[in-house]
């Protein structure tokens, strides 16, 4: 196996992992917003809170890494 094919395979695996994590984050945010709408009652406020909490968590996570 040549170096270029190994590097290409690693790049594809990294890209696929990034896509899966991004899709998981979007699904998590939608579930969080739907669950918050039961507690808050207002869907706009609940999805705004879910987006804010998600972005806050991403910011804290970036500081830890």
Protein backbone atom coordinates (compact mmCIF):
# COMPACT_ATOMS: atom_id res chain seq x y z
CA UNK A 1 0.00 0.00 0.00
CA UNK A 2 1.50 3.34 -1.00
CA UNK A 3 1.77 6.41 1.18
CA UNK A 4 -0.65 8.45 -0.90
CA UNK A 5 -3.43 5.86 -0.69
CA UNK A 6 -2.95 5.57 3.09
CA UNK A 7 -3.08 9.35 3.46
CA UNK A 8 -6.18 9.53 1.25
CA UNK A 9 -7.88 6.83 3.32
CA UNK A 10 -7.07 8.71 6.55
CA UNK A 11 -8.50 11.94 5.09
CA UNK A 12 -11.72 10.20 4.08
CA UNK A 13 -12.05 8.62 7.54
CA UNK A 14 -11.49 11.99 9.23
CA UNK A 15 -14.05 13.68 6.98
CA UNK A 16 -16.61 10.93 7.65
CA UNK A 17 -16.05 11.23 11.41
CA UNK A 18 -16.53 15.01 11.24
CA UNK A 19 -19.78 14.60 9.30
CA UNK A 20 -21.10 12.04 11.81
CA UNK A 21 -20.26 14.28 14.76
CA UNK A 22 -21.93 17.28 13.08
CA UNK A 23 -25.10 15.32 12.33
CA UNK A 24 -25.15 14.02 15.90
CA UNK A 25 -24.83 17.57 17.23
CA UNK A 26 -27.74 18.78 15.11
CA UNK A 27 -29.92 15.87 16.24
CA UNK A 28 -28.96 16.51 19.88
CA UNK A 29 -29.87 20.19 19.55
CA UNK A 30 -33.27 19.37 18.03
CA UNK A 31 -34.04 16.86 20.78
CA UNK A 32 -32.97 19.37 23.43
CA UNK A 33 -35.22 22.04 21.89
CA UNK A 34 -38.20 19.69 21.73
CA UNK A 35 -37.72 18.62 25.34
CA UNK A 36 -37.35 22.24 26.46
CA UNK A 37 -40.59 23.19 24.72
CA UNK A 38 -42.45 20.93 27.15
CA UNK A 39 -40.83 22.69 30.12
CA UNK A 40 -40.90 26.30 28.87
CA UNK A 41 -44.05 26.11 26.76
CA UNK A 42 -42.90 28.57 24.11
CA UNK A 43 -41.22 26.86 21.17
CA UNK A 44 -39.24 29.92 20.05
CA UNK A 45 -37.82 30.46 23.52
CA UNK A 46 -37.05 26.77 23.98
CA UNK A 47 -35.19 26.43 20.69
CA UNK A 48 -33.32 29.68 21.41
CA UNK A 49 -32.28 28.28 24.78
CA UNK A 50 -31.28 24.97 23.20
CA UNK A 51 -29.15 26.76 20.61
CA UNK A 52 -27.57 28.96 23.26
CA UNK A 53 -26.76 26.04 25.54
CA UNK A 54 -25.31 24.07 22.63
CA UNK A 55 -23.10 26.95 21.52
CA UNK A 56 -22.02 27.59 25.12
CA UNK A 57 -21.07 23.93 25.49
CA UNK A 58 -19.10 24.04 22.25
CA UNK A 59 -17.25 27.12 23.49
CA UNK A 60 -16.39 25.51 26.82
CA UNK A 61 -15.31 22.36 25.02
CA UNK A 62 -12.99 24.32 22.74
CA UNK A 63 -11.34 25.90 25.78
CA UNK A 64 -10.71 22.49 27.32
CA UNK A 65 -9.04 21.04 24.24
